[in-house]
Amino acid sequence: VQSLTHLIERPTSSQSVPIVATVQSDTGISLVEVRYSTDLS
């Protein structure tokens, strides 16, 4: 992953957050996922 950006700086709990990532494409990847947690516990 070369860069990762979220498009809403301070989302509310009712807002979805668009995510954009630049990924090195010469690794032959077929699946990219973002892992997230809304509560670190």
PDB file of all heavy atoms in Angstrom:
ATOM      1  N   VAL A   1       0.865  -1.181   0.000  1.00  0.00           N
ATOM      2  CA  VAL A   1       0.000   0.000   0.000  1.00  0.00           C
ATOM      3  C   VAL A   1       0.900   1.229   0.000  1.00  0.00           C
ATOM      4  O   VAL A   1       1.692   1.424   0.916  1.00  0.00           O
ATOM      5  CB  VAL A   1      -0.946   0.014   1.216  1.00  0.00           C
ATOM      6  CG1 VAL A   1      -1.784   1.280   1.229  1.00  0.00           C
ATOM      7  CG2 VAL A   1      -1.817  -1.225   1.217  1.00  0.00           C
ATOM      8  N   GLN A   2       0.784   2.043  -1.044  1.00  0.00           N
ATOM      9  CA  GLN A   2       1.630   3.226  -1.177  1.00  0.00           C
ATOM     10  C   GLN A   2       1.004   4.456  -0.535  1.00  0.00           C
ATOM     11  O   GLN A   2       1.719   5.348  -0.106  1.00  0.00           O
ATOM     12  CB  GLN A   2       1.940   3.473  -2.647  1.00  0.00           C
ATOM     13  CG  GLN A   2       2.750   2.327  -3.236  1.00  0.00           C
ATOM     14  CD  GLN A   2       2.904   2.428  -4.734  1.00  0.00           C
ATOM     15  OE1 GLN A   2       2.004   2.845  -5.440  1.00  0.00           O
ATOM     16  NE2 GLN A   2       4.060   2.018  -5.217  1.00  0.00           N
ATOM     17  N   SER A   3      -0.319   4.529  -0.486  1.00  0.00           N
ATOM     18  CA  SER A   3      -0.998   5.634   0.194  1.00  0.00           C
ATOM     19  C   SER A   3      -2.400   5.188   0.576  1.00  0.00           C
ATOM     20  O   SER A   3      -2.969   4.298  -0.052  1.00  0.00           O
ATOM     21  CB  SER A   3      -1.066   6.884  -0.686  1.00  0.00           C
ATOM     22  OG  SER A   3      -1.925   6.677  -1.779  1.00  0.00           O
ATOM     23  N   LEU A   4      -2.939   5.808   1.603  1.00  0.00           N
ATOM     24  CA  LEU A   4      -4.290   5.506   2.070  1.00  0.00           C
ATOM     25  C   LEU A   4      -4.920   6.812   2.535  1.00  0.00           C
ATOM     26  O   LEU A   4      -4.311   7.560   3.301  1.00  0.00           O
ATOM     27  CB  LEU A   4      -4.260   4.504   3.221  1.00  0.00           C
ATOM     28  CG  LEU A   4      -5.596   4.129   3.839  1.00  0.00           C
ATOM     29  CD1 LEU A   4      -6.471   3.401   2.830  1.00  0.00           C
ATOM     30  CD2 LEU A   4      -5.379   3.266   5.063  1.00  0.00           C
ATOM     31  N   THR A   5      -6.134   7.088   2.063  1.00  0.00           N
ATOM     32  CA  THR A   5      -6.822   8.335   2.389  1.00  0.00           C
ATOM     33  C   THR A   5      -8.274   8.049   2.715  1.00  0.00           C
ATOM     34  O   THR A   5      -8.899   7.237   2.046  1.00  0.00           O
ATOM     35  CB  THR A   5      -6.782   9.300   1.178  1.00  0.00           C
ATOM     36  OG1 THR A   5      -5.436   9.484   0.768  1.00  0.00           O
ATOM     37  CG2 THR A   5      -7.392  10.633   1.521  1.00  0.00           C
ATOM     38  N   HIS A   6      -8.799   8.703   3.732  1.00  0.00           N
ATOM     39  CA  HIS A   6     -10.240   8.648   3.975  1.00  0.00           C
ATOM     40  C   HIS A   6     -10.799   9.993   3.544  1.00  0.00           C
ATOM     41  O   HIS A   6     -10.176  11.035   3.728  1.00  0.00           O
ATOM     42  CB  HIS A   6     -10.588   8.314   5.425  1.00  0.00           C
ATOM     43  CG  HIS A   6      -9.922   9.165   6.442  1.00  0.00           C
ATOM     44  ND1 HIS A   6     -10.461  10.350   6.884  1.00  0.00           N
ATOM     45  CD2 HIS A   6      -8.755   9.017   7.096  1.00  0.00           C
ATOM     46  CE1 HIS A   6      -9.650  10.887   7.787  1.00  0.00           C
ATOM     47  NE2 HIS A   6      -8.601  10.107   7.924  1.00  0.00           N
ATOM     48  N   LEU A   7     -11.972   9.983   2.933  1.00  0.00           N
ATOM     49  CA  LEU A   7     -12.501  11.180   2.289  1.00  0.00           C
ATOM     50  C   LEU A   7     -13.391  12.037   3.190  1.00  0.00           C
ATOM     51  O   LEU A   7     -13.826  13.105   2.777  1.00  0.00           O
ATOM     52  CB  LEU A   7     -13.254  10.798   1.014  1.00  0.00           C
ATOM     53  CG  LEU A   7     -12.403  10.027  -0.012  1.00  0.00           C
ATOM     54  CD1 LEU A   7     -13.222   9.701  -1.242  1.00  0.00           C
ATOM     55  CD2 LEU A   7     -11.148  10.799  -0.383  1.00  0.00           C
ATOM     56  N   ILE A   8     -13.651  11.586   4.410  1.00  0.00           N
ATOM     57  CA  ILE A   8     -14.389  12.396   5.390  1.00  0.00           C
ATOM     58  C   ILE A   8     -13.505  12.498   6.625  1.00  0.00           C
ATOM     59  O   ILE A   8     -13.163  11.490   7.245  1.00  0.00           O
ATOM     60  CB  ILE A   8     -15.755  11.770   5.736  1.00  0.00           C
ATOM     61  CG1 ILE A   8     -16.634  11.672   4.488  1.00  0.00           C
ATOM     62  CG2 ILE A   8     -16.448  12.576   6.829  1.00  0.00           C
ATOM     63  CD1 ILE A   8     -17.963  10.983   4.733  1.00  0.00           C
ATOM     64  N   GLU A   9     -13.115  13.709   6.984  1.00  0.00           N
ATOM     65  CA  GLU A   9     -12.156  13.918   8.074  1.00  0.00           C
ATOM     66  C   GLU A   9     -12.701  13.522   9.445  1.00  0.00           C
ATOM     67  O   GLU A   9     -12.050  12.829  10.210  1.00  0.00           O
ATOM     68  CB  GLU A   9     -11.712  15.383   8.097  1.00  0.00           C
ATOM     69  CG  GLU A   9     -10.586  15.660   9.072  1.00  0.00           C
ATOM     70  CD  GLU A   9      -9.299  14.932   8.733  1.00  0.00           C
ATOM     71  OE1 GLU A   9      -8.999  14.746   7.548  1.00  0.00           O
ATOM     72  OE2 GLU A   9      -8.595  14.537   9.679  1.00  0.00           O
ATOM     73  N   ARG A  10     -13.903  13.931   9.781  1.00  0.00           N
ATOM     74  CA  ARG A  10     -14.494  13.637  11.090  1.00  0.00           C
ATOM     75  C   ARG A  10     -15.923  13.124  10.896  1.00  0.00           C
ATOM     76  O   ARG A  10     -16.884  13.873  11.085  1.00  0.00           O
ATOM     77  CB  ARG A  10     -14.481  14.876  11.969  1.00  0.00           C
ATOM     78  CG  ARG A  10     -13.095  15.358  12.307  1.00  0.00           C
ATOM     79  CD  ARG A  10     -13.163  16.606  13.162  1.00  0.00           C
ATOM     80  NE  ARG A  10     -11.878  17.238  13.248  1.00  0.00           N
ATOM     81  CZ  ARG A  10     -11.030  17.084  14.256  1.00  0.00           C
ATOM     82  NH1 ARG A  10     -11.357  16.333  15.275  1.00  0.00           N
ATOM     83  NH2 ARG A  10      -9.880  17.692  14.253  1.00  0.00           N
ATOM     84  N   PRO A  11     -16.057  11.862  10.544  1.00  0.00           N
ATOM     85  CA  PRO A  11     -17.404  11.335  10.274  1.00  0.00           C
ATOM     86  C   PRO A  11     -18.220  11.190  11.550  1.00  0.00           C
ATOM     87  O   PRO A  11     -17.686  10.952  12.636  1.00  0.00           O
ATOM     88  CB  PRO A  11     -17.122   9.971   9.661  1.00  0.00           C
ATOM     89  CG  PRO A  11     -15.794   9.583  10.214  1.00  0.00           C
ATOM     90  CD  PRO A  11     -15.025  10.862  10.357  1.00  0.00           C
ATOM     91  N   THR A  12     -19.503  11.329  11.395  1.00  0.00           N
ATOM     92  CA  THR A  12     -20.415  11.032  12.498  1.00  0.00           C
ATOM     93  C   THR A  12     -20.719   9.540  12.447  1.00  0.00           C
ATOM     94  O   THR A  12     -20.396   8.855  11.466  1.00  0.00           O
ATOM     95  CB  THR A  12     -21.721  11.834  12.370  1.00  0.00           C
ATOM     96  OG1 THR A  12     -22.410  11.391  11.201  1.00  0.00           O
ATOM     97  CG2 THR A  12     -21.449  13.332  12.289  1.00  0.00           C
ATOM     98  N   SER A  13     -21.373   9.013  13.463  1.00  0.00           N
ATOM     99  CA  SER A  13     -21.677   7.582  13.486  1.00  0.00           C
ATOM    100  C   SER A  13     -22.665   7.187  12.396  1.00  0.00           C
ATOM    101  O   SER A  13     -22.760   6.018  12.044  1.00  0.00           O
ATOM    102  CB  SER A  13     -22.221   7.172  14.853  1.00  0.00           C
ATOM    103  OG  SER A  13     -23.433   7.844  15.119  1.00  0.00           O
ATOM    104  N   SER A  14     -23.370   8.167  11.825  1.00  0.00           N
ATOM    105  CA  SER A  14     -24.334   7.849  10.769  1.00  0.00           C
ATOM    106  C   SER A  14     -23.767   8.024   9.359  1.00  0.00           C
ATOM    107  O   SER A  14     -24.471   7.815   8.383  1.00  0.00           O
ATOM    108  CB  SER A  14     -25.579   8.719  10.925  1.00  0.00           C
ATOM    109  OG  SER A  14     -25.251  10.083  10.764  1.00  0.00           O
ATOM    110  N   GLN A  15     -22.481   8.390   9.244  1.00  0.00           N
ATOM    111  CA  GLN A  15     -21.863   8.580   7.933  1.00  0.00           C
ATOM    112  C   GLN A  15     -20.978   7.402   7.546  1.00  0.00           C
ATOM    113  O   GLN A  15     -20.150   6.958   8.343  1.00  0.00           O
ATOM    114  CB  GLN A  15     -20.980   9.833   7.919  1.00  0.00           C
ATOM    115  CG  GLN A  15     -21.723  11.128   7.905  1.00  0.00           C
ATOM    116  CD  GLN A  15     -20.760  12.295   7.878  1.00  0.00           C
ATOM    117  OE1 GLN A  15     -20.023  12.513   8.843  1.00  0.00           O
ATOM    118  NE2 GLN A  15     -20.767  13.035   6.786  1.00  0.00           N
ATOM    119  N   SER A  16     -21.128   6.929   6.320  1.00  0.00           N
ATOM    120  CA  SER A  16     -20.179   5.979   5.752  1.00  0.00           C
ATOM    121  C   SER A  16     -18.927   6.759   5.367  1.00  0.00           C
ATOM    122  O   SER A  16     -19.003   7.948   5.048  1.00  0.00           O
ATOM    123  CB  SER A  16     -20.767   5.308   4.519  1.00  0.00           C
ATOM    124  OG  SER A  16     -21.901   4.560   4.860  1.00  0.00           O
ATOM    125  N   VAL A  17     -17.762   6.096   5.386  1.00  0.00           N
ATOM    126  CA  VAL A  17     -16.504   6.778   5.098  1.00  0.00           C
ATOM    127  C   VAL A  17     -15.854   6.163   3.866  1.00  0.00           C
ATOM    128  O   VAL A  17     -15.403   5.011   3.903  1.00  0.00           O
ATOM    129  CB  VAL A  17     -15.536   6.691   6.301  1.00  0.00           C
ATOM    130  CG1 VAL A  17     -14.230   7.405   5.984  1.00  0.00           C
ATOM    131  CG2 VAL A  17     -16.186   7.272   7.541  1.00  0.00           C
ATOM    132  N   PRO A  18     -15.796   6.904   2.754  1.00  0.00           N
ATOM    133  CA  PRO A  18     -15.092   6.417   1.575  1.00  0.00           C
ATOM    134  C   PRO A  18     -13.584   6.379   1.845  1.00  0.00           C
ATOM    135  O   PRO A  18     -13.027   7.301   2.441  1.00  0.00           O
ATOM    136  CB  PRO A  18     -15.421   7.443   0.492  1.00  0.00           C
ATOM    137  CG  PRO A  18     -16.605   8.193   1.006  1.00  0.00           C
ATOM    138  CD  PRO A  18     -16.488   8.164   2.492  1.00  0.00           C
ATOM    139  N   ILE A  19     -12.934   5.306   1.399  1.00  0.00           N
ATOM    140  CA  ILE A  19     -11.499   5.090   1.575  1.00  0.00           C
ATOM    141  C   ILE A  19     -10.883   4.900   0.198  1.00  0.00           C
ATOM    142  O   ILE A  19     -11.448   4.198  -0.652  1.00  0.00           O
ATOM    143  CB  ILE A  19     -11.240   3.818   2.412  1.00  0.00           C
ATOM    144  CG1 ILE A  19     -11.895   3.921   3.787  1.00  0.00           C
ATOM    145  CG2 ILE A  19      -9.763   3.498   2.539  1.00  0.00           C
ATOM    146  CD1 ILE A  19     -11.253   4.907   4.705  1.00  0.00           C
ATOM    147  N   VAL A  20      -9.710   5.499  -0.027  1.00  0.00           N
ATOM    148  CA  VAL A  20      -8.992   5.337  -1.288  1.00  0.00           C
ATOM    149  C   VAL A  20      -7.563   4.916  -0.965  1.00  0.00           C
ATOM    150  O   VAL A  20      -6.909   5.516  -0.110  1.00  0.00           O
ATOM    151  CB  VAL A  20      -8.986   6.642  -2.107  1.00  0.00           C
ATOM    152  CG1 VAL A  20      -8.183   6.475  -3.388  1.00  0.00           C
ATOM    153  CG2 VAL A  20     -10.406   7.084  -2.424  1.00  0.00           C
ATOM    154  N   ALA A  21      -7.071   3.873  -1.634  1.00  0.00           N
ATOM    155  CA  ALA A  21      -5.706   3.393  -1.423  1.00  0.00           C
ATOM    156  C   ALA A  21      -5.022   3.174  -2.767  1.00  0.00           C
ATOM    157  O   ALA A  21      -5.622   2.632  -3.686  1.00  0.00           O
ATOM    158  CB  ALA A  21      -5.712   2.078  -0.644  1.00  0.00           C
ATOM    159  N   THR A  22      -3.775   3.612  -2.855  1.00  0.00           N
ATOM    160  CA  THR A  22      -2.952   3.304  -4.021  1.00  0.00           C
ATOM    161  C   THR A  22      -2.132   2.073  -3.667  1.00  0.00           C
ATOM    162  O   THR A  22      -1.425   2.062  -2.661  1.00  0.00           O
ATOM    163  CB  THR A  22      -2.032   4.489  -4.372  1.00  0.00           C
ATOM    164  OG1 THR A  22      -2.844   5.640  -4.600  1.00  0.00           O
ATOM    165  CG2 THR A  22      -1.208   4.187  -5.616  1.00  0.00           C
ATOM    166  N   VAL A  23      -2.274   1.043  -4.493  1.00  0.00           N
ATOM    167  CA  VAL A  23      -1.648  -0.245  -4.209  1.00  0.00           C
ATOM    168  C   VAL A  23      -0.720  -0.613  -5.356  1.00  0.00           C
ATOM    169  O   VAL A  23      -1.092  -0.497  -6.525  1.00  0.00           O
ATOM    170  CB  VAL A  23      -2.738  -1.337  -4.039  1.00  0.00           C
ATOM    171  CG1 VAL A  23      -2.116  -2.692  -3.792  1.00  0.00           C
ATOM    172  CG2 VAL A  23      -3.677  -0.960  -2.899  1.00  0.00           C
ATOM    173  N   GLN A  24       0.495  -1.038  -5.012  1.00  0.00           N
ATOM    174  CA  GLN A  24       1.438  -1.472  -6.047  1.00  0.00           C
ATOM    175  C   GLN A  24       0.822  -2.641  -6.796  1.00  0.00           C
ATOM    176  O   GLN A  24       0.479  -3.662  -6.193  1.00  0.00           O
ATOM    177  CB  GLN A  24       2.767  -1.871  -5.424  1.00  0.00           C
ATOM    178  CG  GLN A  24       3.822  -2.223  -6.443  1.00  0.00           C
ATOM    179  CD  GLN A  24       5.165  -2.472  -5.793  1.00  0.00           C
ATOM    180  OE1 GLN A  24       5.468  -1.949  -4.735  1.00  0.00           O
ATOM    181  NE2 GLN A  24       5.967  -3.282  -6.444  1.00  0.00           N
ATOM    182  N   SER A  25       0.666  -2.501  -8.080  1.00  0.00           N
ATOM    183  CA  SER A  25      -0.122  -3.466  -8.847  1.00  0.00           C
ATOM    184  C   SER A  25       0.680  -4.613  -9.436  1.00  0.00           C
ATOM    185  O   SER A  25       0.100  -5.533  -9.994  1.00  0.00           O
ATOM    186  CB  SER A  25      -0.871  -2.737  -9.966  1.00  0.00           C
ATOM    187  OG  SER A  25       0.044  -2.081 -10.810  1.00  0.00           O
ATOM    188  N   ASP A  26       1.989  -4.618  -9.328  1.00  0.00           N
ATOM    189  CA  ASP A  26       2.771  -5.690  -9.941  1.00  0.00           C
ATOM    190  C   ASP A  26       2.928  -6.914  -9.043  1.00  0.00           C
ATOM    191  O   ASP A  26       3.696  -7.815  -9.338  1.00  0.00           O
ATOM    192  CB  ASP A  26       4.138  -5.178 -10.391  1.00  0.00           C
ATOM    193  CG  ASP A  26       4.998  -4.688  -9.237  1.00  0.00           C
ATOM    194  OD1 ASP A  26       4.489  -4.571  -8.103  1.00  0.00           O
ATOM    195  OD2 ASP A  26       6.181  -4.407  -9.485  1.00  0.00           O
ATOM    196  N   THR A  27       2.188  -6.976  -7.951  1.00  0.00           N
ATOM    197  CA  THR A  27       2.272  -8.113  -7.036  1.00  0.00           C
ATOM    198  C   THR A  27       1.279  -9.213  -7.386  1.00  0.00           C
ATOM    199  O   THR A  27       1.221 -10.232  -6.714  1.00  0.00           O
ATOM    200  CB  THR A  27       2.039  -7.658  -5.577  1.00  0.00           C
ATOM    201  OG1 THR A  27       0.756  -7.049  -5.489  1.00  0.00           O
ATOM    202  CG2 THR A  27       3.114  -6.696  -5.123  1.00  0.00           C
ATOM    203  N   GLY A  28       0.466  -9.018  -8.422  1.00  0.00           N
ATOM    204  CA  GLY A  28      -0.498 -10.029  -8.841  1.00  0.00           C
ATOM    205  C   GLY A  28      -1.666 -10.182  -7.894  1.00  0.00           C
ATOM    206  O   GLY A  28      -2.259 -11.244  -7.785  1.00  0.00           O
ATOM    207  N   ILE A  29      -2.034  -9.122  -7.202  1.00  0.00           N
ATOM    208  CA  ILE A  29      -3.126  -9.196  -6.232  1.00  0.00           C
ATOM    209  C   ILE A  29      -4.473  -9.298  -6.939  1.00  0.00           C
ATOM    210  O   ILE A  29      -4.656  -8.809  -8.041  1.00  0.00           O
ATOM    211  CB  ILE A  29      -3.133  -7.976  -5.284  1.00  0.00           C
ATOM    212  CG1 ILE A  29      -3.261  -6.680  -6.086  1.00  0.00           C
ATOM    213  CG2 ILE A  29      -1.930  -7.962  -4.404  1.00  0.00           C
ATOM    214  CD1 ILE A  29      -3.562  -5.489  -5.241  1.00  0.00           C
ATOM    215  N   SER A  30      -5.391  -9.988  -6.304  1.00  0.00           N
ATOM    216  CA  SER A  30      -6.738 -10.089  -6.857  1.00  0.00           C
ATOM    217  C   SER A  30      -7.791  -9.587  -5.870  1.00  0.00           C
ATOM    218  O   SER A  30      -8.950  -9.482  -6.227  1.00  0.00           O
ATOM    219  CB  SER A  30      -7.046 -11.533  -7.236  1.00  0.00           C
ATOM    220  OG  SER A  30      -6.964 -12.362  -6.099  1.00  0.00           O
ATOM    221  N   LEU A  31      -7.374  -9.267  -4.643  1.00  0.00           N
ATOM    222  CA  LEU A  31      -8.314  -8.835  -3.618  1.00  0.00           C
ATOM    223  C   LEU A  31      -7.653  -7.795  -2.727  1.00  0.00           C
ATOM    224  O   LEU A  31      -6.542  -8.007  -2.237  1.00  0.00           O
ATOM    225  CB  LEU A  31      -8.754 -10.036  -2.765  1.00  0.00           C
ATOM    226  CG  LEU A  31      -9.639  -9.746  -1.562  1.00  0.00           C
ATOM    227  CD1 LEU A  31     -11.013  -9.273  -2.021  1.00  0.00           C
ATOM    228  CD2 LEU A  31      -9.773 -10.988  -0.702  1.00  0.00           C
ATOM    229  N   VAL A  32      -8.342  -6.671  -2.538  1.00  0.00           N
ATOM    230  CA  VAL A  32      -7.885  -5.652  -1.595  1.00  0.00           C
ATOM    231  C   VAL A  32      -9.044  -5.379  -0.652  1.00  0.00           C
ATOM    232  O   VAL A  32     -10.178  -5.205  -1.083  1.00  0.00           O
ATOM    233  CB  VAL A  32      -7.455  -4.347  -2.320  1.00  0.00           C
ATOM    234  CG1 VAL A  32      -7.123  -3.250  -1.320  1.00  0.00           C
ATOM    235  CG2 VAL A  32      -6.256  -4.613  -3.224  1.00  0.00           C
ATOM    236  N   GLU A  33      -8.740  -5.371   0.647  1.00  0.00           N
ATOM    237  CA  GLU A  33      -9.742  -5.096   1.669  1.00  0.00           C
ATOM    238  C   GLU A  33      -9.178  -4.092   2.658  1.00  0.00           C
ATOM    239  O   GLU A  33      -7.970  -4.015   2.843  1.00  0.00           O
ATOM    240  CB  GLU A  33     -10.095  -6.367   2.441  1.00  0.00           C
ATOM    241  CG  GLU A  33     -10.712  -7.456   1.611  1.00  0.00           C
ATOM    242  CD  GLU A  33     -10.914  -8.739   2.398  1.00  0.00           C
ATOM    243  OE1 GLU A  33     -10.050  -9.102   3.218  1.00  0.00           O
ATOM    244  OE2 GLU A  33     -11.952  -9.360   2.172  1.00  0.00           O
ATOM    245  N   VAL A  34     -10.064  -3.338   3.289  1.00  0.00           N
ATOM    246  CA  VAL A  34      -9.669  -2.479   4.394  1.00  0.00           C
ATOM    247  C   VAL A  34     -10.228  -3.115   5.671  1.00  0.00           C
ATOM    248  O   VAL A  34     -11.351  -3.591   5.693  1.00  0.00           O
ATOM    249  CB  VAL A  34     -10.173  -1.023   4.211  1.00  0.00           C
ATOM    250  CG1 VAL A  34     -11.674  -0.940   4.136  1.00  0.00           C
ATOM    251  CG2 VAL A  34      -9.638  -0.123   5.323  1.00  0.00           C
ATOM    252  N   ARG A  35      -9.389  -3.163   6.696  1.00  0.00           N
ATOM    253  CA  ARG A  35      -9.832  -3.661   8.007  1.00  0.00           C
ATOM    254  C   ARG A  35      -9.995  -2.454   8.902  1.00  0.00           C
ATOM    255  O   ARG A  35      -9.153  -1.570   8.920  1.00  0.00           O
ATOM    256  CB  ARG A  35      -8.811  -4.637   8.560  1.00  0.00           C
ATOM    257  CG  ARG A  35      -8.750  -5.902   7.705  1.00  0.00           C
ATOM    258  CD  ARG A  35      -7.816  -6.911   8.317  1.00  0.00           C
ATOM    259  NE  ARG A  35      -8.241  -7.187   9.678  1.00  0.00           N
ATOM    260  CZ  ARG A  35      -8.669  -8.349  10.123  1.00  0.00           C
ATOM    261  NH1 ARG A  35      -8.720  -9.369   9.313  1.00  0.00           N
ATOM    262  NH2 ARG A  35      -9.031  -8.507  11.372  1.00  0.00           N
ATOM    263  N   TYR A  36     -11.075  -2.430   9.661  1.00  0.00           N
ATOM    264  CA  TYR A  36     -11.373  -1.265  10.482  1.00  0.00           C
ATOM    265  C   TYR A  36     -12.061  -1.688  11.764  1.00  0.00           C
ATOM    266  O   TYR A  36     -12.622  -2.767  11.865  1.00  0.00           O
ATOM    267  CB  TYR A  36     -12.255  -0.273   9.710  1.00  0.00           C
ATOM    268  CG  TYR A  36     -13.621  -0.842   9.380  1.00  0.00           C
ATOM    269  CD1 TYR A  36     -14.693  -0.628  10.235  1.00  0.00           C
ATOM    270  CD2 TYR A  36     -13.822  -1.621   8.251  1.00  0.00           C
ATOM    271  CE1 TYR A  36     -15.940  -1.174   9.964  1.00  0.00           C
ATOM    272  CE2 TYR A  36     -15.061  -2.161   7.962  1.00  0.00           C
ATOM    273  CZ  TYR A  36     -16.107  -1.934   8.815  1.00  0.00           C
ATOM    274  OH  TYR A  36     -17.331  -2.485   8.547  1.00  0.00           O
ATOM    275  N   SER A  37     -12.002  -0.803  12.735  1.00  0.00           N
ATOM    276  CA  SER A  37     -12.703  -1.004  13.992  1.00  0.00           C
ATOM    277  C   SER A  37     -13.261   0.335  14.445  1.00  0.00           C
ATOM    278  O   SER A  37     -12.582   1.359  14.344  1.00  0.00           O
ATOM    279  CB  SER A  37     -11.761  -1.557  15.052  1.00  0.00           C
ATOM    280  OG  SER A  37     -12.414  -1.647  16.297  1.00  0.00           O
ATOM    281  N   THR A  38     -14.480   0.340  14.890  1.00  0.00           N
ATOM    282  CA  THR A  38     -15.074   1.566  15.402  1.00  0.00           C
ATOM    283  C   THR A  38     -14.846   1.709  16.911  1.00  0.00           C
ATOM    284  O   THR A  38     -15.137   2.743  17.480  1.00  0.00           O
ATOM    285  CB  THR A  38     -16.587   1.612  15.110  1.00  0.00           C
ATOM    286  OG1 THR A  38     -17.204   0.459  15.677  1.00  0.00           O
ATOM    287  CG2 THR A  38     -16.832   1.643  13.616  1.00  0.00           C
ATOM    288  N   ASP A  39     -14.316   0.657  17.510  1.00  0.00           N
ATOM    289  CA  ASP A  39     -14.046   0.644  18.938  1.00  0.00           C
ATOM    290  C   ASP A  39     -12.843  -0.274  19.137  1.00  0.00           C
ATOM    291  O   ASP A  39     -12.927  -1.469  18.864  1.00  0.00           O
ATOM    292  CB  ASP A  39     -15.268   0.112  19.687  1.00  0.00           C
ATOM    293  CG  ASP A  39     -15.060   0.002  21.177  1.00  0.00           C
ATOM    294  OD1 ASP A  39     -13.923   0.193  21.660  1.00  0.00           O
ATOM    295  OD2 ASP A  39     -16.037  -0.297  21.870  1.00  0.00           O
ATOM    296  N   LEU A  40     -11.746   0.248  19.570  1.00  0.00           N
ATOM    297  CA  LEU A  40     -10.515  -0.533  19.631  1.00  0.00           C
ATOM    298  C   LEU A  40     -10.557  -1.691  20.615  1.00  0.00           C
ATOM    299  O   LEU A  40      -9.622  -2.474  20.691  1.00  0.00           O
ATOM    300  CB  LEU A  40      -9.328   0.385  19.921  1.00  0.00           C
ATOM    301  CG  LEU A  40      -9.038   1.401  18.811  1.00  0.00           C
ATOM    302  CD1 LEU A  40      -7.853   2.280  19.193  1.00  0.00           C
ATOM    303  CD2 LEU A  40      -8.771   0.701  17.497  1.00  0.00           C
ATOM    304  N   SER A  41     -11.639  -1.835  21.350  1.00  0.00           N
ATOM    305  CA  SER A  41     -11.766  -2.972  22.254  1.00  0.00           C
ATOM    306  C   SER A  41     -12.477  -4.153  21.583  1.00  0.00           C
ATOM    307  O   SER A  41     -12.652  -5.197  22.198  1.00  0.00           O
ATOM    308  CB  SER A  41     -12.506  -2.566  23.533  1.00  0.00           C
ATOM    309  OG  SER A  41     -13.841  -2.220  23.224  1.00  0.00           O
TER     310      SER A  41
END
